[in-house]
Structure formats: structure tokens, C-alpha cells
Amino acid sequence: MWYVAGSNYENYLVHGYSESEDGRTNWSRHDVFAPDEMKVFDFCVRSRGETFDAVFARVWMGTEAPPPETGLWGCSATAPSGKFSDWGKPLQIMTAEDHGWHSGPWKASLEFDE
């Protein structure tokens, strides 16, 4: 499970990772997946063929203009992993540029056609 912990109010978001055989009990140690300075909000993973693809948002909660790394990102791995470095080099899909109806992603998700 990839999860966000922290507080928008305090401008602190850290992304964690933990595993469980049944998804309810006996969770592994909760490790940091993405540190606070990355501002990762959500890490959505889907299998596709023999690989796993993920999308995630890097958010900005400051009052000044968002940094260039704010936006929607994608990456891939050969197996789900609790180590961010195992997901290869992420590719920025969308920036936080203000388009009138949005100025940055928050809740990333993806789905593949059969």
C-alpha cells in the first residue's frame, strides 16, 4: 500500500509504503517511499502486461508560484516496489501551469483499455 501522511496545513506530505498478505493484518514496517520535499500526493499503480505503470501528483501548497516539478508524473517498474528508485526515471506528463480550469493535479489515477 502506498499512502500519504502529513498535513496540508503544515505544508508537510510524506509518502509511505507498507505490505500485508491480506490487506488487513500483519502490515510490514511502514517505510518512507517519497520524502516530504517531493510533495507526492497519491501513487496509483496498475499492471500492464509484464510491467507495472504508476502515475502520481507532485503538489504545491505554498502561496507563491509552484516550482516546475509540480504536476502529474508517470513511471514504470518490472514489479511493484516500496522503493521509489525501483520505478525508473519519472516522466512529467503535466505541469501546474494555470489553464483556467486547473492549475495542477491532486488525485492521480489511471486505467488501461484491454
PDB file of N, CA and C in Angstrom:
ATOM      1  N   MET A   1       0.843  -1.160   0.000  1.00  0.00           N
ATOM      2  CA  MET A   1       0.000   0.000   0.000  1.00  0.00           C
ATOM      3  C   MET A   1       0.898   1.234   0.000  1.00  0.00           C
ATOM      4  N   TRP A   2       0.617   2.131  -0.910  1.00  0.00           N
ATOM      5  CA  TRP A   2       1.254   3.440  -0.936  1.00  0.00           C
ATOM      6  C   TRP A   2       0.270   4.414  -0.305  1.00  0.00           C
ATOM      7  N   TYR A   3       0.729   5.271   0.587  1.00  0.00           N
ATOM      8  CA  TYR A   3      -0.196   6.166   1.276  1.00  0.00           C
ATOM      9  C   TYR A   3       0.478   7.500   1.593  1.00  0.00           C
ATOM     10  N   VAL A   4      -0.333   8.543   1.748  1.00  0.00           N
ATOM     11  CA  VAL A   4       0.145   9.871   2.106  1.00  0.00           C
ATOM     12  C   VAL A   4      -0.065  10.078   3.600  1.00  0.00           C
ATOM     13  N   ALA A   5       0.921  10.685   4.233  1.00  0.00           N
ATOM     14  CA  ALA A   5       0.807  11.063   5.641  1.00  0.00           C
ATOM     15  C   ALA A   5       1.300  12.499   5.769  1.00  0.00           C
ATOM     16  N   GLY A   6       0.734  13.223   6.674  1.00  0.00           N
ATOM     17  CA  GLY A   6       1.187  14.590   6.882  1.00  0.00           C
ATOM     18  C   GLY A   6       0.023  15.540   7.001  1.00  0.00           C
ATOM     19  N   SER A   7       0.286  16.795   6.662  1.00  0.00           N
ATOM     20  CA  SER A   7      -0.706  17.841   6.853  1.00  0.00           C
ATOM     21  C   SER A   7      -0.547  18.917   5.789  1.00  0.00           C
ATOM     22  N   ASN A   8      -1.595  19.148   5.001  1.00  0.00           N
ATOM     23  CA  ASN A   8      -1.580  20.259   4.054  1.00  0.00           C
ATOM     24  C   ASN A   8      -1.389  21.584   4.788  1.00  0.00           C
ATOM     25  N   TYR A   9      -2.042  21.715   5.919  1.00  0.00           N
ATOM     26  CA  TYR A   9      -1.983  22.943   6.698  1.00  0.00           C
ATOM     27  C   TYR A   9      -0.542  23.287   7.079  1.00  0.00           C
ATOM     28  N   GLU A  10       0.249  22.279   7.407  1.00  0.00           N
ATOM     29  CA  GLU A  10       1.645  22.486   7.794  1.00  0.00           C
ATOM     30  C   GLU A  10       2.596  22.335   6.614  1.00  0.00           C
ATOM     31  N   ASN A  11       2.049  22.171   5.396  1.00  0.00           N
ATOM     32  CA  ASN A  11       2.858  22.008   4.188  1.00  0.00           C
ATOM     33  C   ASN A  11       3.841  20.849   4.329  1.00  0.00           C
ATOM     34  N   TYR A  12       3.340  19.750   4.869  1.00  0.00           N
ATOM     35  CA  TYR A  12       4.179  18.566   5.060  1.00  0.00           C
ATOM     36  C   TYR A  12       3.432  17.341   4.553  1.00  0.00           C
ATOM     37  N   LEU A  13       3.939  16.723   3.494  1.00  0.00           N
ATOM     38  CA  LEU A  13       3.375  15.476   2.972  1.00  0.00           C
ATOM     39  C   LEU A  13       4.524  14.493   2.764  1.00  0.00           C
ATOM     40  N   VAL A  14       4.406  13.342   3.341  1.00  0.00           N
ATOM     41  CA  VAL A  14       5.388  12.286   3.102  1.00  0.00           C
ATOM     42  C   VAL A  14       4.614  11.085   2.575  1.00  0.00           C
ATOM     43  N   HIS A  15       5.200  10.346   1.659  1.00  0.00           N
ATOM     44  CA  HIS A  15       4.520   9.199   1.072  1.00  0.00           C
ATOM     45  C   HIS A  15       5.134   7.923   1.634  1.00  0.00           C
ATOM     46  N   GLY A  16       4.289   7.062   2.178  1.00  0.00           N
ATOM     47  CA  GLY A  16       4.759   5.834   2.808  1.00  0.00           C
ATOM     48  C   GLY A  16       4.405   4.602   2.013  1.00  0.00           C
ATOM     49  N   TYR A  17       4.968   3.477   2.459  1.00  0.00           N
ATOM     50  CA  TYR A  17       4.710   2.191   1.824  1.00  0.00           C
ATOM     51  C   TYR A  17       4.726   1.108   2.902  1.00  0.00           C
ATOM     52  N   SER A  18       3.786   0.174   2.800  1.00  0.00           N
ATOM     53  CA  SER A  18       3.732  -0.970   3.690  1.00  0.00           C
ATOM     54  C   SER A  18       3.050  -2.129   2.958  1.00  0.00           C
ATOM     55  N   GLU A  19       3.339  -3.363   3.358  1.00  0.00           N
ATOM     56  CA  GLU A  19       2.750  -4.546   2.717  1.00  0.00           C
ATOM     57  C   GLU A  19       2.021  -5.418   3.736  1.00  0.00           C
ATOM     58  N   SER A  20       0.992  -6.126   3.246  1.00  0.00           N
ATOM     59  CA  SER A  20       0.241  -7.080   4.044  1.00  0.00           C
ATOM     60  C   SER A  20      -0.254  -8.172   3.099  1.00  0.00           C
ATOM     61  N   GLU A  21      -0.207  -9.401   3.536  1.00  0.00           N
ATOM     62  CA  GLU A  21      -0.684 -10.521   2.705  1.00  0.00           C
ATOM     63  C   GLU A  21      -2.170 -10.400   2.377  1.00  0.00           C
ATOM     64  N   ASP A  22      -2.985 -10.009   3.365  1.00  0.00           N
ATOM     65  CA  ASP A  22      -4.428  -9.943   3.144  1.00  0.00           C
ATOM     66  C   ASP A  22      -4.968  -8.510   3.074  1.00  0.00           C
ATOM     67  N   GLY A  23      -4.102  -7.520   3.220  1.00  0.00           N
ATOM     68  CA  GLY A  23      -4.536  -6.135   3.152  1.00  0.00           C
ATOM     69  C   GLY A  23      -5.251  -5.637   4.396  1.00  0.00           C
ATOM     70  N   ARG A  24      -5.246  -6.449   5.459  1.00  0.00           N
ATOM     71  CA  ARG A  24      -5.928  -6.046   6.686  1.00  0.00           C
ATOM     72  C   ARG A  24      -5.073  -6.223   7.940  1.00  0.00           C
ATOM     73  N   THR A  25      -4.210  -7.228   7.939  1.00  0.00           N
ATOM     74  CA  THR A  25      -3.445  -7.537   9.151  1.00  0.00           C
ATOM     75  C   THR A  25      -1.969  -7.753   8.820  1.00  0.00           C
ATOM     76  N   ASN A  26      -1.170  -7.796   9.863  1.00  0.00           N
ATOM     77  CA  ASN A  26       0.266  -8.106   9.750  1.00  0.00           C
ATOM     78  C   ASN A  26       0.986  -7.231   8.738  1.00  0.00           C
ATOM     79  N   TRP A  27       0.845  -5.930   8.871  1.00  0.00           N
ATOM     80  CA  TRP A  27       1.500  -4.998   7.961  1.00  0.00           C
ATOM     81  C   TRP A  27       2.996  -4.966   8.220  1.00  0.00           C
ATOM     82  N   SER A  28       3.750  -4.852   7.153  1.00  0.00           N
ATOM     83  CA  SER A  28       5.199  -4.712   7.281  1.00  0.00           C
ATOM     84  C   SER A  28       5.521  -3.343   7.868  1.00  0.00           C
ATOM     85  N   ARG A  29       6.770  -3.139   8.150  1.00  0.00           N
ATOM     86  CA  ARG A  29       7.209  -1.844   8.655  1.00  0.00           C
ATOM     87  C   ARG A  29       6.780  -0.755   7.677  1.00  0.00           C
ATOM     88  N   HIS A  30       6.350   0.359   8.192  1.00  0.00           N
ATOM     89  CA  HIS A  30       5.942   1.484   7.348  1.00  0.00           C
ATOM     90  C   HIS A  30       7.195   2.284   6.992  1.00  0.00           C
ATOM     91  N   ASP A  31       7.557   2.252   5.719  1.00  0.00           N
ATOM     92  CA  ASP A  31       8.760   2.922   5.241  1.00  0.00           C
ATOM     93  C   ASP A  31       8.409   4.166   4.443  1.00  0.00           C
ATOM     94  N   VAL A  32       9.335   5.106   4.393  1.00  0.00           N
ATOM     95  CA  VAL A  32       9.162   6.298   3.568  1.00  0.00           C
ATOM     96  C   VAL A  32       9.397   5.905   2.119  1.00  0.00           C
ATOM     97  N   PHE A  33       8.404   6.143   1.270  1.00  0.00           N
ATOM     98  CA  PHE A  33       8.501   5.867  -0.158  1.00  0.00           C
ATOM     99  C   PHE A  33       9.009   7.099  -0.899  1.00  0.00           C
ATOM    100  N   ALA A  34       8.417   8.248  -0.611  1.00  0.00           N
ATOM    101  CA  ALA A  34       8.837   9.520  -1.212  1.00  0.00           C
ATOM    102  C   ALA A  34       8.901  10.553  -0.089  1.00  0.00           C
ATOM    103  N   PRO A  35      10.023  11.232   0.058  1.00  0.00           N
ATOM    104  CA  PRO A  35      10.189  12.177   1.169  1.00  0.00           C
ATOM    105  C   PRO A  35       9.335  13.430   1.018  1.00  0.00           C
ATOM    106  N   ASP A  36       9.187  14.142   2.107  1.00  0.00           N
ATOM    107  CA  ASP A  36       8.370  15.352   2.153  1.00  0.00           C
ATOM    108  C   ASP A  36       8.727  16.346   1.057  1.00  0.00           C
ATOM    109  N   GLU A  37       9.989  16.553   0.792  1.00  0.00           N
ATOM    110  CA  GLU A  37      10.373  17.571  -0.191  1.00  0.00           C
ATOM    111  C   GLU A  37       9.881  17.262  -1.604  1.00  0.00           C
ATOM    112  N   MET A  38       9.516  15.998  -1.898  1.00  0.00           N
ATOM    113  CA  MET A  38       8.953  15.664  -3.215  1.00  0.00           C
ATOM    114  C   MET A  38       7.484  16.053  -3.323  1.00  0.00           C
ATOM    115  N   LYS A  39       6.791  16.182  -2.227  1.00  0.00           N
ATOM    116  CA  LYS A  39       5.369  16.553  -2.210  1.00  0.00           C
ATOM    117  C   LYS A  39       4.520  15.626  -3.089  1.00  0.00           C
ATOM    118  N   VAL A  40       4.738  14.304  -2.941  1.00  0.00           N
ATOM    119  CA  VAL A  40       3.972  13.319  -3.713  1.00  0.00           C
ATOM    120  C   VAL A  40       2.611  13.112  -3.062  1.00  0.00           C
ATOM    121  N   PHE A  41       1.567  13.280  -3.855  1.00  0.00           N
ATOM    122  CA  PHE A  41       0.210  13.024  -3.397  1.00  0.00           C
ATOM    123  C   PHE A  41      -0.374  11.934  -4.277  1.00  0.00           C
ATOM    124  N   ASP A  42      -0.510  10.774  -3.724  1.00  0.00           N
ATOM    125  CA  ASP A  42      -1.042   9.592  -4.382  1.00  0.00           C
ATOM    126  C   ASP A  42       0.028   8.959  -5.265  1.00  0.00           C
ATOM    127  N   PHE A  43      -0.018   7.673  -5.364  1.00  0.00           N
ATOM    128  CA  PHE A  43       0.858   6.888  -6.231  1.00  0.00           C
ATOM    129  C   PHE A  43      -0.006   5.737  -6.698  1.00  0.00           C
ATOM    130  N   CYS A  44      -0.581   5.872  -7.875  1.00  0.00           N
ATOM    131  CA  CYS A  44      -1.554   4.918  -8.403  1.00  0.00           C
ATOM    132  C   CYS A  44      -0.848   3.929  -9.327  1.00  0.00           C
ATOM    133  N   VAL A  45      -0.922   2.652  -9.006  1.00  0.00           N
ATOM    134  CA  VAL A  45      -0.205   1.601  -9.739  1.00  0.00           C
ATOM    135  C   VAL A  45      -1.187   0.669 -10.433  1.00  0.00           C
ATOM    136  N   ARG A  46      -0.881   0.316 -11.675  1.00  0.00           N
ATOM    137  CA  ARG A  46      -1.663  -0.668 -12.430  1.00  0.00           C
ATOM    138  C   ARG A  46      -0.699  -1.583 -13.183  1.00  0.00           C
ATOM    139  N   SER A  47      -1.053  -2.856 -13.251  1.00  0.00           N
ATOM    140  CA  SER A  47      -0.244  -3.776 -14.061  1.00  0.00           C
ATOM    141  C   SER A  47      -0.638  -3.614 -15.518  1.00  0.00           C
ATOM    142  N   ARG A  48       0.348  -3.786 -16.381  1.00  0.00           N
ATOM    143  CA  ARG A  48       0.101  -3.744 -17.829  1.00  0.00           C
ATOM    144  C   ARG A  48       1.075  -4.720 -18.461  1.00  0.00           C
ATOM    145  N   GLY A  49       0.548  -5.839 -18.926  1.00  0.00           N
ATOM    146  CA  GLY A  49       1.408  -6.882 -19.481  1.00  0.00           C
ATOM    147  C   GLY A  49       2.354  -7.391 -18.405  1.00  0.00           C
ATOM    148  N   GLU A  50       3.637  -7.322 -18.691  1.00  0.00           N
ATOM    149  CA  GLU A  50       4.631  -7.817 -17.732  1.00  0.00           C
ATOM    150  C   GLU A  50       5.281  -6.688 -16.932  1.00  0.00           C
ATOM    151  N   THR A  51       4.730  -5.492 -16.996  1.00  0.00           N
ATOM    152  CA  THR A  51       5.276  -4.370 -16.236  1.00  0.00           C
ATOM    153  C   THR A  51       4.185  -3.740 -15.379  1.00  0.00           C
ATOM    154  N   PHE A  52       4.588  -2.784 -14.579  1.00  0.00           N
ATOM    155  CA  PHE A  52       3.666  -2.024 -13.746  1.00  0.00           C
ATOM    156  C   PHE A  52       3.894  -0.551 -14.025  1.00  0.00           C
ATOM    157  N   ASP A  53       2.819   0.171 -14.287  1.00  0.00           N
ATOM    158  CA  ASP A  53       2.892   1.604 -14.538  1.00  0.00           C
ATOM    159  C   ASP A  53       2.268   2.328 -13.356  1.00  0.00           C
ATOM    160  N   ALA A  54       2.788   3.509 -13.085  1.00  0.00           N
ATOM    161  CA  ALA A  54       2.261   4.324 -11.991  1.00  0.00           C
ATOM    162  C   ALA A  54       2.157   5.772 -12.441  1.00  0.00           C
ATOM    163  N   VAL A  55       1.173   6.466 -11.918  1.00  0.00           N
ATOM    164  CA  VAL A  55       1.069   7.916 -12.058  1.00  0.00           C
ATOM    165  C   VAL A  55       0.991   8.485 -10.651  1.00  0.00           C
ATOM    166  N   PHE A  56       1.520   9.686 -10.505  1.00  0.00           N
ATOM    167  CA  PHE A  56       1.475  10.348  -9.210  1.00  0.00           C
ATOM    168  C   PHE A  56       1.516  11.849  -9.413  1.00  0.00           C
ATOM    169  N   ALA A  57       0.974  12.554  -8.433  1.00  0.00           N
ATOM    170  CA  ALA A  57       0.983  14.015  -8.467  1.00  0.00           C
ATOM    171  C   ALA A  57       2.061  14.526  -7.519  1.00  0.00           C
ATOM    172  N   ARG A  58       2.754  15.556  -7.973  1.00  0.00           N
ATOM    173  CA  ARG A  58       3.637  16.326  -7.090  1.00  0.00           C
ATOM    174  C   ARG A  58       2.938  17.665  -6.900  1.00  0.00           C
ATOM    175  N   VAL A  59       2.532  17.930  -5.674  1.00  0.00           N
ATOM    176  CA  VAL A  59       1.660  19.062  -5.386  1.00  0.00           C
ATOM    177  C   VAL A  59       2.441  20.219  -4.770  1.00  0.00           C
ATOM    178  N   TRP A  60       1.776  21.360  -4.713  1.00  0.00           N
ATOM    179  CA  TRP A  60       2.357  22.550  -4.102  1.00  0.00           C
ATOM    180  C   TRP A  60       1.294  23.215  -3.257  1.00  0.00           C
ATOM    181  N   MET A  61       1.603  23.477  -2.000  1.00  0.00           N
ATOM    182  CA  MET A  61       0.645  24.095  -1.097  1.00  0.00           C
ATOM    183  C   MET A  61       1.091  25.482  -0.651  1.00  0.00           C
ATOM    184  N   GLY A  62       2.173  25.977  -1.222  1.00  0.00           N
ATOM    185  CA  GLY A  62       2.654  27.303  -0.867  1.00  0.00           C
ATOM    186  C   GLY A  62       1.810  28.399  -1.496  1.00  0.00           C
ATOM    187  N   THR A  63       2.044  29.624  -1.068  1.00  0.00           N
ATOM    188  CA  THR A  63       1.295  30.762  -1.607  1.00  0.00           C
ATOM    189  C   THR A  63       1.978  31.361  -2.833  1.00  0.00           C
ATOM    190  N   GLU A  64       3.265  31.109  -3.004  1.00  0.00           N
ATOM    191  CA  GLU A  64       3.970  31.609  -4.175  1.00  0.00           C
ATOM    192  C   GLU A  64       3.778  30.645  -5.354  1.00  0.00           C
ATOM    193  N   ALA A  65       4.297  31.018  -6.513  1.00  0.00           N
ATOM    194  CA  ALA A  65       4.153  30.184  -7.716  1.00  0.00           C
ATOM    195  C   ALA A  65       4.764  28.800  -7.475  1.00  0.00           C
ATOM    196  N   PRO A  66       4.112  27.748  -7.995  1.00  0.00           N
ATOM    197  CA  PRO A  66       4.631  26.395  -7.786  1.00  0.00           C
ATOM    198  C   PRO A  66       5.950  26.179  -8.536  1.00  0.00           C
ATOM    199  N   PRO A  67       6.831  25.356  -7.991  1.00  0.00           N
ATOM    200  CA  PRO A  67       8.072  25.032  -8.690  1.00  0.00           C
ATOM    201  C   PRO A  67       7.779  24.174  -9.920  1.00  0.00           C
ATOM    202  N   PRO A  68       8.718  24.096 -10.871  1.00  0.00           N
ATOM    203  CA  PRO A  68       8.476  23.377 -12.131  1.00  0.00           C
ATOM    204  C   PRO A  68       8.190  21.887 -11.970  1.00  0.00           C
ATOM    205  N   GLU A  69       8.625  21.275 -10.887  1.00  0.00           N
ATOM    206  CA  GLU A  69       8.372  19.838 -10.703  1.00  0.00           C
ATOM    207  C   GLU A  69       6.951  19.542 -10.231  1.00  0.00           C
ATOM    208  N   THR A  70       6.167  20.575  -9.948  1.00  0.00           N
ATOM    209  CA  THR A  70       4.768  20.376  -9.569  1.00  0.00           C
ATOM    210  C   THR A  70       3.994  19.915 -10.805  1.00  0.00           C
ATOM    211  N   GLY A  71       3.190  18.870 -10.653  1.00  0.00           N
ATOM    212  CA  GLY A  71       2.402  18.380 -11.776  1.00  0.00           C
ATOM    213  C   GLY A  71       2.148  16.890 -11.697  1.00  0.00           C
ATOM    214  N   LEU A  72       1.758  16.326 -12.816  1.00  0.00           N
ATOM    215  CA  LEU A  72       1.453  14.900 -12.936  1.00  0.00           C
ATOM    216  C   LEU A  72       2.652  14.191 -13.542  1.00  0.00           C
ATOM    217  N   TRP A  73       3.012  13.056 -12.970  1.00  0.00           N
ATOM    218  CA  TRP A  73       4.190  12.294 -13.395  1.00  0.00           C
ATOM    219  C   TRP A  73       3.821  10.831 -13.621  1.00  0.00           C
ATOM    220  N   GLY A  74       4.607  10.137 -14.443  1.00  0.00           N
ATOM    221  CA  GLY A  74       4.428   8.710 -14.687  1.00  0.00           C
ATOM    222  C   GLY A  74       5.754   7.989 -14.624  1.00  0.00           C
ATOM    223  N   CYS A  75       5.701   6.704 -14.265  1.00  0.00           N
ATOM    224  CA  CYS A  75       6.909   5.874 -14.221  1.00  0.00           C
ATOM    225  C   CYS A  75       6.507   4.401 -14.333  1.00  0.00           C
ATOM    226  N   SER A  76       7.491   3.529 -14.515  1.00  0.00           N
ATOM    227  CA  SER A  76       7.242   2.093 -14.682  1.00  0.00           C
ATOM    228  C   SER A  76       8.260   1.269 -13.913  1.00  0.00           C
ATOM    229  N   ALA A  77       7.882   0.040 -13.590  1.00  0.00           N
ATOM    230  CA  ALA A  77       8.771  -0.896 -12.918  1.00  0.00           C
ATOM    231  C   ALA A  77       8.435  -2.313 -13.371  1.00  0.00           C
ATOM    232  N   THR A  78       9.373  -3.216 -13.187  1.00  0.00           N
ATOM    233  CA  THR A  78       9.135  -4.616 -13.546  1.00  0.00           C
ATOM    234  C   THR A  78       8.310  -5.340 -12.491  1.00  0.00           C
ATOM    235  N   ALA A  79       8.267  -4.780 -11.275  1.00  0.00           N
ATOM    236  CA  ALA A  79       7.475  -5.348 -10.190  1.00  0.00           C
ATOM    237  C   ALA A  79       7.103  -4.221  -9.231  1.00  0.00           C
ATOM    238  N   PRO A  80       5.967  -4.318  -8.544  1.00  0.00           N
ATOM    239  CA  PRO A  80       5.637  -3.292  -7.560  1.00  0.00           C
ATOM    240  C   PRO A  80       6.741  -3.229  -6.509  1.00  0.00           C
ATOM    241  N   SER A  81       7.104  -2.040  -6.119  1.00  0.00           N
ATOM    242  CA  SER A  81       8.200  -1.884  -5.167  1.00  0.00           C
ATOM    243  C   SER A  81       7.923  -0.746  -4.205  1.00  0.00           C
ATOM    244  N   GLY A  82       8.387  -0.902  -2.996  1.00  0.00           N
ATOM    245  CA  GLY A  82       8.295   0.124  -1.983  1.00  0.00           C
ATOM    246  C   GLY A  82       9.467   1.087  -2.014  1.00  0.00           C
ATOM    247  N   LYS A  83      10.346   0.926  -3.000  1.00  0.00           N
ATOM    248  CA  LYS A  83      11.471   1.845  -3.177  1.00  0.00           C
ATOM    249  C   LYS A  83      11.219   2.693  -4.413  1.00  0.00           C
ATOM    250  N   PHE A  84      11.153   3.991  -4.226  1.00  0.00           N
ATOM    251  CA  PHE A  84      10.878   4.893  -5.340  1.00  0.00           C
ATOM    252  C   PHE A  84      11.915   4.728  -6.448  1.00  0.00           C
ATOM    253  N   SER A  85      13.161   4.493  -6.102  1.00  0.00           N
ATOM    254  CA  SER A  85      14.235   4.355  -7.093  1.00  0.00           C
ATOM    255  C   SER A  85      14.048   3.148  -8.007  1.00  0.00           C
ATOM    256  N   ASP A  86      13.261   2.165  -7.613  1.00  0.00           N
ATOM    257  CA  ASP A  86      12.993   0.987  -8.454  1.00  0.00           C
ATOM    258  C   ASP A  86      12.038   1.288  -9.608  1.00  0.00           C
ATOM    259  N   TRP A  87      11.425   2.456  -9.611  1.00  0.00           N
ATOM    260  CA  TRP A  87      10.422   2.810 -10.611  1.00  0.00           C
ATOM    261  C   TRP A  87      11.001   3.537 -11.821  1.00  0.00           C
ATOM    262  N   GLY A  88      12.298   3.558 -11.963  1.00  0.00           N
ATOM    263  CA  GLY A  88      12.917   4.197 -13.117  1.00  0.00           C
ATOM    264  C   GLY A  88      12.812   5.707 -13.049  1.00  0.00           C
ATOM    265  N   LYS A  89      13.217   6.351 -14.126  1.00  0.00           N
ATOM    266  CA  LYS A  89      13.181   7.812 -14.165  1.00  0.00           C
ATOM    267  C   LYS A  89      11.771   8.287 -14.503  1.00  0.00           C
ATOM    268  N   PRO A  90      11.126   9.023 -13.586  1.00  0.00           N
ATOM    269  CA  PRO A  90       9.768   9.510 -13.858  1.00  0.00           C
ATOM    270  C   PRO A  90       9.744  10.522 -15.003  1.00  0.00           C
ATOM    271  N   LEU A  91       8.634  10.533 -15.717  1.00  0.00           N
ATOM    272  CA  LEU A  91       8.417  11.459 -16.830  1.00  0.00           C
ATOM    273  C   LEU A  91       7.268  12.392 -16.451  1.00  0.00           C
ATOM    274  N   GLN A  92       7.490  13.698 -16.583  1.00  0.00           N
ATOM    275  CA  GLN A  92       6.430  14.646 -16.263  1.00  0.00           C
ATOM    276  C   GLN A  92       5.413  14.674 -17.396  1.00  0.00           C
ATOM    277  N   ILE A  93       4.152  14.434 -17.052  1.00  0.00           N
ATOM    278  CA  ILE A  93       3.055  14.369 -18.013  1.00  0.00           C
ATOM    279  C   ILE A  93       2.351  15.716 -18.125  1.00  0.00           C
ATOM    280  N   MET A  94       2.234  16.414 -17.007  1.00  0.00           N
ATOM    281  CA  MET A  94       1.523  17.691 -16.961  1.00  0.00           C
ATOM    282  C   MET A  94       2.178  18.584 -15.917  1.00  0.00           C
ATOM    283  N   THR A  95       2.277  19.860 -16.205  1.00  0.00           N
ATOM    284  CA  THR A  95       2.814  20.818 -15.234  1.00  0.00           C
ATOM    285  C   THR A  95       1.671  21.410 -14.422  1.00  0.00           C
ATOM    286  N   ALA A  96       1.998  22.352 -13.558  1.00  0.00           N
ATOM    287  CA  ALA A  96       0.981  23.039 -12.758  1.00  0.00           C
ATOM    288  C   ALA A  96       0.585  24.364 -13.400  1.00  0.00           C
ATOM    289  N   GLU A  97       0.880  24.512 -14.675  1.00  0.00           N
ATOM    290  CA  GLU A  97       0.511  25.737 -15.380  1.00  0.00           C
ATOM    291  C   GLU A  97      -0.992  25.975 -15.269  1.00  0.00           C
ATOM    292  N   ASP A  98      -1.369  27.204 -14.979  1.00  0.00           N
ATOM    293  CA  ASP A  98      -2.773  27.549 -14.819  1.00  0.00           C
ATOM    294  C   ASP A  98      -3.444  27.612 -16.193  1.00  0.00           C
ATOM    295  N   HIS A  99      -4.416  26.738 -16.417  1.00  0.00           N
ATOM    296  CA  HIS A  99      -5.154  26.683 -17.677  1.00  0.00           C
ATOM    297  C   HIS A  99      -6.579  27.202 -17.517  1.00  0.00           C
ATOM    298  N   GLY A 100      -6.830  27.916 -16.442  1.00  0.00           N
ATOM    299  CA  GLY A 100      -8.166  28.451 -16.210  1.00  0.00           C
ATOM    300  C   GLY A 100      -9.065  27.492 -15.453  1.00  0.00           C
ATOM    301  N   TRP A 101      -9.069  26.234 -15.828  1.00  0.00           N
ATOM    302  CA  TRP A 101      -9.922  25.257 -15.152  1.00  0.00           C
ATOM    303  C   TRP A 101      -9.121  24.331 -14.247  1.00  0.00           C
ATOM    304  N   HIS A 102      -7.803  24.359 -14.343  1.00  0.00           N
ATOM    305  CA  HIS A 102      -6.962  23.614 -13.402  1.00  0.00           C
ATOM    306  C   HIS A 102      -5.585  24.258 -13.352  1.00  0.00           C
ATOM    307  N   SER A 103      -4.924  24.034 -12.215  1.00  0.00           N
ATOM    308  CA  SER A 103      -3.557  24.547 -12.080  1.00  0.00           C
ATOM    309  C   SER A 103      -2.670  23.525 -11.389  1.00  0.00           C
ATOM    310  N   GLY A 104      -2.938  22.280 -11.620  1.00  0.00           N
ATOM    311  CA  GLY A 104      -2.120  21.211 -11.052  1.00  0.00           C
ATOM    312  C   GLY A 104      -2.966  20.042 -10.602  1.00  0.00           C
ATOM    313  N   PRO A 105      -2.457  18.825 -10.722  1.00  0.00           N
ATOM    314  CA  PRO A 105      -3.200  17.621 -10.350  1.00  0.00           C
ATOM    315  C   PRO A 105      -3.117  17.335  -8.855  1.00  0.00           C
ATOM    316  N   TRP A 106      -4.072  16.566  -8.374  1.00  0.00           N
ATOM    317  CA  TRP A 106      -4.029  16.083  -6.996  1.00  0.00           C
ATOM    318  C   TRP A 106      -4.209  14.580  -6.927  1.00  0.00           C
ATOM    319  N   LYS A 107      -5.322  14.073  -7.299  1.00  0.00           N
ATOM    320  CA  LYS A 107      -5.641  12.657  -7.115  1.00  0.00           C
ATOM    321  C   LYS A 107      -5.423  11.913  -8.425  1.00  0.00           C
ATOM    322  N   ALA A 108      -4.212  11.419  -8.615  1.00  0.00           N
ATOM    323  CA  ALA A 108      -3.865  10.739  -9.866  1.00  0.00           C
ATOM    324  C   ALA A 108      -4.457   9.329  -9.913  1.00  0.00           C
ATOM    325  N   SER A 109      -4.940   8.940 -11.097  1.00  0.00           N
ATOM    326  CA  SER A 109      -5.407   7.574 -11.319  1.00  0.00           C
ATOM    327  C   SER A 109      -5.225   7.233 -12.783  1.00  0.00           C
ATOM    328  N   LEU A 110      -5.236   5.950 -13.094  1.00  0.00           N
ATOM    329  CA  LEU A 110      -5.109   5.534 -14.477  1.00  0.00           C
ATOM    330  C   LEU A 110      -5.785   4.188 -14.681  1.00  0.00           C
ATOM    331  N   GLU A 111      -6.116   3.925 -15.927  1.00  0.00           N
ATOM    332  CA  GLU A 111      -6.758   2.663 -16.326  1.00  0.00           C
ATOM    333  C   GLU A 111      -6.343   2.385 -17.754  1.00  0.00           C
ATOM    334  N   PHE A 112      -6.208   1.119 -18.100  1.00  0.00           N
ATOM    335  CA  PHE A 112      -5.825   0.727 -19.449  1.00  0.00           C
ATOM    336  C   PHE A 112      -6.962   0.010 -20.141  1.00  0.00           C
ATOM    337  N   ASP A 113      -7.104   0.257 -21.444  1.00  0.00           N
ATOM    338  CA  ASP A 113      -8.037  -0.484 -22.262  1.00  0.00           C
ATOM    339  C   ASP A 113      -7.491  -1.893 -22.473  1.00  0.00           C
ATOM    340  N   GLU A 114      -8.353  -2.854 -22.550  1.00  0.00           N
ATOM    341  CA  GLU A 114      -7.906  -4.218 -22.841  1.00  0.00           C
ATOM    342  C   GLU A 114      -7.384  -4.247 -24.241  1.00  0.00           C
TER     343      GLU A 114
END
